């Protein structure tokens, strides 16, 4: 299992308490931010190309919905039915 997939599996079911951005790098070519969870753990994002498509969106469904909506092969990590 690839490292990013392992990290994504670990955050399923956690609650985000805060997002911390590195003020020195967030608007430069390399970006770094952390999702901080209520249990005290965090997940760090770092790289040259960290982008969000836009804000929070409503909708969704199963993996097939995402595949059709965004024309991508979707892989579900976690349980979308709950």
PDB file of N, CA and C in Angstrom:
ATOM      1  N   UNK A   1       0.843  -1.175   0.000  1.00  0.00           N
ATOM      2  CA  UNK A   1       0.000   0.000   0.000  1.00  0.00           C
ATOM      3  C   UNK A   1       0.891   1.243   0.000  1.00  0.00           C
ATOM      4  N   UNK A   2       0.566   2.188  -0.867  1.00  0.00           N
ATOM      5  CA  UNK A   2       1.358   3.416  -0.974  1.00  0.00           C
ATOM      6  C   UNK A   2       1.184   4.276   0.270  1.00  0.00           C
ATOM      7  N   UNK A   3       2.200   5.049   0.606  1.00  0.00           N
ATOM      8  CA  UNK A   3       2.175   5.879   1.809  1.00  0.00           C
ATOM      9  C   UNK A   3       0.988   6.837   1.864  1.00  0.00           C
ATOM     10  N   UNK A   4       0.669   7.589   0.765  1.00  0.00           N
ATOM     11  CA  UNK A   4      -0.486   8.483   0.857  1.00  0.00           C
ATOM     12  C   UNK A   4      -1.785   7.738   1.149  1.00  0.00           C
ATOM     13  N   UNK A   5      -1.959   6.555   0.577  1.00  0.00           N
ATOM     14  CA  UNK A   5      -3.175   5.794   0.846  1.00  0.00           C
ATOM     15  C   UNK A   5      -3.223   5.352   2.302  1.00  0.00           C
ATOM     16  N   UNK A   6      -2.097   4.952   2.858  1.00  0.00           N
ATOM     17  CA  UNK A   6      -2.039   4.561   4.258  1.00  0.00           C
ATOM     18  C   UNK A   6      -2.447   5.735   5.149  1.00  0.00           C
ATOM     19  N   UNK A   7      -1.919   6.916   4.859  1.00  0.00           N
ATOM     20  CA  UNK A   7      -2.270   8.106   5.645  1.00  0.00           C
ATOM     21  C   UNK A   7      -3.755   8.407   5.531  1.00  0.00           C
ATOM     22  N   UNK A   8      -4.314   8.289   4.334  1.00  0.00           N
ATOM     23  CA  UNK A   8      -5.737   8.554   4.156  1.00  0.00           C
ATOM     24  C   UNK A   8      -6.588   7.547   4.908  1.00  0.00           C
ATOM     25  N   UNK A   9      -6.178   6.294   4.917  1.00  0.00           N
ATOM     26  CA  UNK A   9      -6.920   5.278   5.688  1.00  0.00           C
ATOM     27  C   UNK A   9      -6.918   5.618   7.181  1.00  0.00           C
ATOM     28  N   UNK A  10      -5.827   6.157   7.664  1.00  0.00           N
ATOM     29  CA  UNK A  10      -5.706   6.466   9.086  1.00  0.00           C
ATOM     30  C   UNK A  10      -6.588   7.628   9.521  1.00  0.00           C
ATOM     31  N   UNK A  11      -6.954   8.538   8.614  1.00  0.00           N
ATOM     32  CA  UNK A  11      -7.753   9.693   9.040  1.00  0.00           C
ATOM     33  C   UNK A  11      -9.250   9.461   8.936  1.00  0.00           C
ATOM     34  N   UNK A  12      -9.674   8.379   8.277  1.00  0.00           N
ATOM     35  CA  UNK A  12     -11.104   8.100   8.166  1.00  0.00           C
ATOM     36  C   UNK A  12     -11.707   7.946   9.564  1.00  0.00           C
ATOM     37  N   UNK A  13     -12.761   8.691   9.836  1.00  0.00           N
ATOM     38  CA  UNK A  13     -13.444   8.623  11.121  1.00  0.00           C
ATOM     39  C   UNK A  13     -12.941   9.621  12.150  1.00  0.00           C
ATOM     40  N   UNK A  14     -11.817  10.265  11.879  1.00  0.00           N
ATOM     41  CA  UNK A  14     -11.295  11.270  12.817  1.00  0.00           C
ATOM     42  C   UNK A  14     -12.048  12.589  12.632  1.00  0.00           C
ATOM     43  N   UNK A  15     -11.985  13.435  13.636  1.00  0.00           N
ATOM     44  CA  UNK A  15     -12.613  14.750  13.587  1.00  0.00           C
ATOM     45  C   UNK A  15     -11.531  15.814  13.535  1.00  0.00           C
ATOM     46  N   UNK A  16     -11.625  16.689  12.541  1.00  0.00           N
ATOM     47  CA  UNK A  16     -10.639  17.765  12.405  1.00  0.00           C
ATOM     48  C   UNK A  16     -10.960  18.861  13.411  1.00  0.00           C
ATOM     49  N   UNK A  17      -9.946  19.219  14.203  1.00  0.00           N
ATOM     50  CA  UNK A  17     -10.079  20.282  15.201  1.00  0.00           C
ATOM     51  C   UNK A  17      -9.579  21.604  14.650  1.00  0.00           C
ATOM     52  N   UNK A  18      -8.541  21.559  13.825  1.00  0.00           N
ATOM     53  CA  UNK A  18      -7.941  22.789  13.300  1.00  0.00           C
ATOM     54  C   UNK A  18      -7.121  22.469  12.070  1.00  0.00           C
ATOM     55  N   UNK A  19      -6.849  23.514  11.303  1.00  0.00           N
ATOM     56  CA  UNK A  19      -5.921  23.440  10.183  1.00  0.00           C
ATOM     57  C   UNK A  19      -4.833  24.462  10.459  1.00  0.00           C
ATOM     58  N   UNK A  20      -3.588  24.016  10.416  1.00  0.00           N
ATOM     59  CA  UNK A  20      -2.459  24.904  10.684  1.00  0.00           C
ATOM     60  C   UNK A  20      -1.669  25.065   9.395  1.00  0.00           C
ATOM     61  N   UNK A  21      -1.449  26.318   8.995  1.00  0.00           N
ATOM     62  CA  UNK A  21      -0.686  26.618   7.783  1.00  0.00           C
ATOM     63  C   UNK A  21       0.656  27.205   8.168  1.00  0.00           C
ATOM     64  N   UNK A  22       1.686  26.833   7.431  1.00  0.00           N
ATOM     65  CA  UNK A  22       3.003  27.424   7.606  1.00  0.00           C
ATOM     66  C   UNK A  22       2.971  28.802   6.958  1.00  0.00           C
ATOM     67  N   UNK A  23       2.944  29.848   7.752  1.00  0.00           N
ATOM     68  CA  UNK A  23       2.813  31.216   7.239  1.00  0.00           C
ATOM     69  C   UNK A  23       3.974  31.608   6.344  1.00  0.00           C
ATOM     70  N   UNK A  24       5.122  30.989   6.500  1.00  0.00           N
ATOM     71  CA  UNK A  24       6.293  31.332   5.695  1.00  0.00           C
ATOM     72  C   UNK A  24       6.268  30.706   4.314  1.00  0.00           C
ATOM     73  N   UNK A  25       5.534  29.613   4.143  1.00  0.00           N
ATOM     74  CA  UNK A  25       5.582  28.916   2.859  1.00  0.00           C
ATOM     75  C   UNK A  25       4.237  28.820   2.165  1.00  0.00           C
ATOM     76  N   UNK A  26       3.137  29.201   2.806  1.00  0.00           N
ATOM     77  CA  UNK A  26       1.830  28.892   2.228  1.00  0.00           C
ATOM     78  C   UNK A  26       1.609  29.570   0.882  1.00  0.00           C
ATOM     79  N   UNK A  27       2.116  30.760   0.694  1.00  0.00           N
ATOM     80  CA  UNK A  27       1.905  31.452  -0.579  1.00  0.00           C
ATOM     81  C   UNK A  27       3.129  31.405  -1.490  1.00  0.00           C
ATOM     82  N   UNK A  28       4.104  30.621  -1.137  1.00  0.00           N
ATOM     83  CA  UNK A  28       5.274  30.433  -1.985  1.00  0.00           C
ATOM     84  C   UNK A  28       5.096  29.163  -2.810  1.00  0.00           C
ATOM     85  N   UNK A  29       6.128  28.758  -3.512  1.00  0.00           N
ATOM     86  CA  UNK A  29       6.009  27.601  -4.391  1.00  0.00           C
ATOM     87  C   UNK A  29       5.813  26.298  -3.623  1.00  0.00           C
ATOM     88  N   UNK A  30       6.375  26.192  -2.445  1.00  0.00           N
ATOM     89  CA  UNK A  30       6.156  24.995  -1.624  1.00  0.00           C
ATOM     90  C   UNK A  30       5.168  25.345  -0.526  1.00  0.00           C
ATOM     91  N   UNK A  31       4.185  24.480  -0.359  1.00  0.00           N
ATOM     92  CA  UNK A  31       3.158  24.726   0.645  1.00  0.00           C
ATOM     93  C   UNK A  31       3.206  23.633   1.710  1.00  0.00           C
ATOM     94  N   UNK A  32       2.828  24.022   2.900  1.00  0.00           N
ATOM     95  CA  UNK A  32       2.837  23.081   4.016  1.00  0.00           C
ATOM     96  C   UNK A  32       1.687  23.428   4.937  1.00  0.00           C
ATOM     97  N   UNK A  33       0.844  22.418   5.227  1.00  0.00           N
ATOM     98  CA  UNK A  33      -0.205  22.622   6.215  1.00  0.00           C
ATOM     99  C   UNK A  33      -0.517  21.307   6.901  1.00  0.00           C
ATOM    100  N   UNK A  34      -1.196  21.412   8.026  1.00  0.00           N
ATOM    101  CA  UNK A  34      -1.474  20.266   8.879  1.00  0.00           C
ATOM    102  C   UNK A  34      -2.960  20.212   9.187  1.00  0.00           C
ATOM    103  N   UNK A  35      -3.555  19.044   9.090  1.00  0.00           N
ATOM    104  CA  UNK A  35      -4.882  18.806   9.638  1.00  0.00           C
ATOM    105  C   UNK A  35      -4.655  18.287  11.053  1.00  0.00           C
ATOM    106  N   UNK A  36      -5.194  18.978  12.037  1.00  0.00           N
ATOM    107  CA  UNK A  36      -5.021  18.599  13.440  1.00  0.00           C
ATOM    108  C   UNK A  36      -6.337  17.986  13.912  1.00  0.00           C
ATOM    109  N   UNK A  37      -6.260  16.797  14.498  1.00  0.00           N
ATOM    110  CA  UNK A  37      -7.452  16.055  14.900  1.00  0.00           C
ATOM    111  C   UNK A  37      -7.692  16.163  16.402  1.00  0.00           C
ATOM    112  N   UNK A  38      -8.911  15.902  16.808  1.00  0.00           N
ATOM    113  CA  UNK A  38      -9.287  16.039  18.217  1.00  0.00           C
ATOM    114  C   UNK A  38      -8.562  15.066  19.132  1.00  0.00           C
ATOM    115  N   UNK A  39      -8.014  13.968  18.589  1.00  0.00           N
ATOM    116  CA  UNK A  39      -7.293  13.010  19.436  1.00  0.00           C
ATOM    117  C   UNK A  39      -5.822  13.385  19.616  1.00  0.00           C
ATOM    118  N   UNK A  40      -5.419  14.560  19.084  1.00  0.00           N
ATOM    119  CA  UNK A  40      -4.040  15.018  19.239  1.00  0.00           C
ATOM    120  C   UNK A  40      -3.123  14.635  18.096  1.00  0.00           C
ATOM    121  N   UNK A  41      -3.605  13.845  17.151  1.00  0.00           N
ATOM    122  CA  UNK A  41      -2.785  13.470  16.002  1.00  0.00           C
ATOM    123  C   UNK A  41      -2.922  14.533  14.906  1.00  0.00           C
ATOM    124  N   UNK A  42      -2.063  14.437  13.889  1.00  0.00           N
ATOM    125  CA  UNK A  42      -2.146  15.381  12.770  1.00  0.00           C
ATOM    126  C   UNK A  42      -1.658  14.706  11.497  1.00  0.00           C
ATOM    127  N   UNK A  43      -2.051  15.275  10.361  1.00  0.00           N
ATOM    128  CA  UNK A  43      -1.576  14.820   9.066  1.00  0.00           C
ATOM    129  C   UNK A  43      -0.995  16.025   8.346  1.00  0.00           C
ATOM    130  N   UNK A  44       0.254  15.909   7.910  1.00  0.00           N
ATOM    131  CA  UNK A  44       0.950  17.004   7.248  1.00  0.00           C
ATOM    132  C   UNK A  44       0.843  16.868   5.730  1.00  0.00           C
ATOM    133  N   UNK A  45       0.554  17.972   5.069  1.00  0.00           N
ATOM    134  CA  UNK A  45       0.588  18.065   3.618  1.00  0.00           C
ATOM    135  C   UNK A  45       1.741  18.994   3.253  1.00  0.00           C
ATOM    136  N   UNK A  46       2.553  18.577   2.294  1.00  0.00           N
ATOM    137  CA  UNK A  46       3.707  19.377   1.906  1.00  0.00           C
ATOM    138  C   UNK A  46       3.995  19.138   0.442  1.00  0.00           C
ATOM    139  N   UNK A  47       4.250  20.194  -0.290  1.00  0.00           N
ATOM    140  CA  UNK A  47       4.636  19.997  -1.677  1.00  0.00           C
ATOM    141  C   UNK A  47       4.532  21.251  -2.507  1.00  0.00           C
ATOM    142  N   UNK A  48       4.937  21.102  -3.751  1.00  0.00           N
ATOM    143  CA  UNK A  48       4.906  22.210  -4.691  1.00  0.00           C
ATOM    144  C   UNK A  48       3.513  22.457  -5.240  1.00  0.00           C
ATOM    145  N   UNK A  49       2.649  21.473  -5.171  1.00  0.00           N
ATOM    146  CA  UNK A  49       1.387  21.556  -5.883  1.00  0.00           C
ATOM    147  C   UNK A  49       0.226  21.091  -5.012  1.00  0.00           C
ATOM    148  N   UNK A  50      -0.011  21.769  -3.906  1.00  0.00           N
ATOM    149  CA  UNK A  50      -1.118  21.436  -3.012  1.00  0.00           C
ATOM    150  C   UNK A  50      -2.226  22.444  -3.281  1.00  0.00           C
ATOM    151  N   UNK A  51      -3.319  21.980  -3.867  1.00  0.00           N
ATOM    152  CA  UNK A  51      -4.420  22.864  -4.246  1.00  0.00           C
ATOM    153  C   UNK A  51      -5.751  22.253  -3.839  1.00  0.00           C
ATOM    154  N   UNK A  52      -6.730  23.094  -3.609  1.00  0.00           N
ATOM    155  CA  UNK A  52      -8.116  22.671  -3.454  1.00  0.00           C
ATOM    156  C   UNK A  52      -8.859  23.100  -4.709  1.00  0.00           C
ATOM    157  N   UNK A  53      -9.809  22.297  -5.132  1.00  0.00           N
ATOM    158  CA  UNK A  53     -10.588  22.658  -6.310  1.00  0.00           C
ATOM    159  C   UNK A  53     -11.440  23.882  -6.015  1.00  0.00           C
ATOM    160  N   UNK A  54     -12.040  23.925  -4.855  1.00  0.00           N
ATOM    161  CA  UNK A  54     -12.841  25.055  -4.396  1.00  0.00           C
ATOM    162  C   UNK A  54     -13.183  24.801  -2.941  1.00  0.00           C
ATOM    163  N   UNK A  55     -14.252  25.357  -2.436  1.00  0.00           N
ATOM    164  CA  UNK A  55     -14.633  25.161  -1.043  1.00  0.00           C
ATOM    165  C   UNK A  55     -15.329  23.827  -0.826  1.00  0.00           C
ATOM    166  N   UNK A  56     -15.946  23.701   0.335  1.00  0.00           N
ATOM    167  CA  UNK A  56     -16.697  22.488   0.682  1.00  0.00           C
ATOM    168  C   UNK A  56     -17.905  22.365  -0.245  1.00  0.00           C
ATOM    169  N   UNK A  57     -18.146  21.162  -0.725  1.00  0.00           N
ATOM    170  CA  UNK A  57     -19.282  20.896  -1.613  1.00  0.00           C
ATOM    171  C   UNK A  57     -20.223  19.886  -0.987  1.00  0.00           C
ATOM    172  N   UNK A  58     -21.493  20.002  -1.274  1.00  0.00           N
ATOM    173  CA  UNK A  58     -22.488  19.023  -0.842  1.00  0.00           C
ATOM    174  C   UNK A  58     -22.734  18.056  -1.985  1.00  0.00           C
ATOM    175  N   UNK A  59     -23.083  16.851  -1.651  1.00  0.00           N
ATOM    176  CA  UNK A  59     -23.368  15.855  -2.679  1.00  0.00           C
ATOM    177  C   UNK A  59     -22.543  14.624  -2.428  1.00  0.00           C
ATOM    178  N   UNK A  60     -22.344  13.921  -3.470  1.00  0.00           N
ATOM    179  CA  UNK A  60     -21.538  12.719  -3.334  1.00  0.00           C
ATOM    180  C   UNK A  60     -22.401  11.487  -3.299  1.00  0.00           C
ATOM    181  N   UNK A  61     -21.774  10.412  -3.154  1.00  0.00           N
ATOM    182  CA  UNK A  61     -22.444   9.125  -3.160  1.00  0.00           C
ATOM    183  C   UNK A  61     -21.390   8.060  -3.042  1.00  0.00           C
ATOM    184  N   UNK A  62     -21.531   7.032  -3.848  1.00  0.00           N
ATOM    185  CA  UNK A  62     -20.544   5.966  -3.820  1.00  0.00           C
ATOM    186  C   UNK A  62     -19.392   6.303  -4.770  1.00  0.00           C
ATOM    187  N   UNK A  63     -18.447   5.406  -4.871  1.00  0.00           N
ATOM    188  CA  UNK A  63     -17.291   5.632  -5.724  1.00  0.00           C
ATOM    189  C   UNK A  63     -17.672   5.853  -7.185  1.00  0.00           C
ATOM    190  N   UNK A  64     -18.734   5.196  -7.622  1.00  0.00           N
ATOM    191  CA  UNK A  64     -19.190   5.354  -9.003  1.00  0.00           C
ATOM    192  C   UNK A  64     -19.654   6.794  -9.262  1.00  0.00           C
ATOM    193  N   UNK A  65     -20.313   7.402  -8.271  1.00  0.00           N
ATOM    194  CA  UNK A  65     -20.759   8.792  -8.410  1.00  0.00           C
ATOM    195  C   UNK A  65     -19.558   9.699  -8.662  1.00  0.00           C
ATOM    196  N   UNK A  66     -18.503   9.532  -7.876  1.00  0.00           N
ATOM    197  CA  UNK A  66     -17.302  10.362  -8.049  1.00  0.00           C
ATOM    198  C   UNK A  66     -16.639  10.097  -9.394  1.00  0.00           C
ATOM    199  N   UNK A  67     -16.602   8.841  -9.819  1.00  0.00           N
ATOM    200  CA  UNK A  67     -16.011   8.499 -11.114  1.00  0.00           C
ATOM    201  C   UNK A  67     -16.734   9.210 -12.246  1.00  0.00           C
ATOM    202  N   UNK A  68     -18.070   9.186 -12.212  1.00  0.00           N
ATOM    203  CA  UNK A  68     -18.853   9.830 -13.268  1.00  0.00           C
ATOM    204  C   UNK A  68     -18.770  11.347 -13.165  1.00  0.00           C
ATOM    205  N   UNK A  69     -18.895  11.901 -11.975  1.00  0.00           N
ATOM    206  CA  UNK A  69     -18.942  13.358 -11.780  1.00  0.00           C
ATOM    207  C   UNK A  69     -17.636  14.022 -12.191  1.00  0.00           C
ATOM    208  N   UNK A  70     -16.510  13.413 -11.872  1.00  0.00           N
ATOM    209  CA  UNK A  70     -15.216  14.042 -12.104  1.00  0.00           C
ATOM    210  C   UNK A  70     -14.388  13.354 -13.192  1.00  0.00           C
ATOM    211  N   UNK A  71     -14.967  12.354 -13.841  1.00  0.00           N
ATOM    212  CA  UNK A  71     -14.284  11.620 -14.915  1.00  0.00           C
ATOM    213  C   UNK A  71     -12.917  11.106 -14.467  1.00  0.00           C
ATOM    214  N   UNK A  72     -12.914  10.485 -13.301  1.00  0.00           N
ATOM    215  CA  UNK A  72     -11.687   9.911 -12.753  1.00  0.00           C
ATOM    216  C   UNK A  72     -11.966   8.489 -12.284  1.00  0.00           C
ATOM    217  N   UNK A  73     -10.951   7.648 -12.245  1.00  0.00           N
ATOM    218  CA  UNK A  73     -11.145   6.347 -11.590  1.00  0.00           C
ATOM    219  C   UNK A  73     -11.124   6.580 -10.078  1.00  0.00           C
ATOM    220  N   UNK A  74     -12.238   6.373  -9.424  1.00  0.00           N
ATOM    221  CA  UNK A  74     -12.348   6.683  -7.989  1.00  0.00           C
ATOM    222  C   UNK A  74     -12.047   5.443  -7.157  1.00  0.00           C
ATOM    223  N   UNK A  75     -11.290   5.640  -6.106  1.00  0.00           N
ATOM    224  CA  UNK A  75     -11.012   4.580  -5.135  1.00  0.00           C
ATOM    225  C   UNK A  75     -11.498   5.087  -3.783  1.00  0.00           C
ATOM    226  N   UNK A  76     -12.442   4.400  -3.197  1.00  0.00           N
ATOM    227  CA  UNK A  76     -13.018   4.817  -1.914  1.00  0.00           C
ATOM    228  C   UNK A  76     -12.161   4.269  -0.782  1.00  0.00           C
ATOM    229  N   UNK A  77     -11.786   5.136   0.127  1.00  0.00           N
ATOM    230  CA  UNK A  77     -11.060   4.739   1.329  1.00  0.00           C
ATOM    231  C   UNK A  77     -11.979   5.067   2.491  1.00  0.00           C
ATOM    232  N   UNK A  78     -12.484   4.071   3.145  1.00  0.00           N
ATOM    233  CA  UNK A  78     -13.444   4.285   4.222  1.00  0.00           C
ATOM    234  C   UNK A  78     -14.827   3.865   3.768  1.00  0.00           C
ATOM    235  N   UNK A  79     -15.851   4.313   4.491  1.00  0.00           N
ATOM    236  CA  UNK A  79     -17.222   3.905   4.265  1.00  0.00           C
ATOM    237  C   UNK A  79     -18.073   5.119   3.922  1.00  0.00           C
ATOM    238  N   UNK A  80     -18.569   5.211   2.690  1.00  0.00           N
ATOM    239  CA  UNK A  80     -19.383   6.354   2.288  1.00  0.00           C
ATOM    240  C   UNK A  80     -20.849   6.203   2.676  1.00  0.00           C
ATOM    241  N   UNK A  81     -21.240   5.033   3.150  1.00  0.00           N
ATOM    242  CA  UNK A  81     -22.658   4.797   3.434  1.00  0.00           C
ATOM    243  C   UNK A  81     -23.111   5.306   4.790  1.00  0.00           C
ATOM    244  N   UNK A  82     -22.169   5.687   5.658  1.00  0.00           N
ATOM    245  CA  UNK A  82     -22.590   6.135   6.993  1.00  0.00           C
ATOM    246  C   UNK A  82     -22.706   7.640   7.059  1.00  0.00           C
TER     247      UNK A  82
END
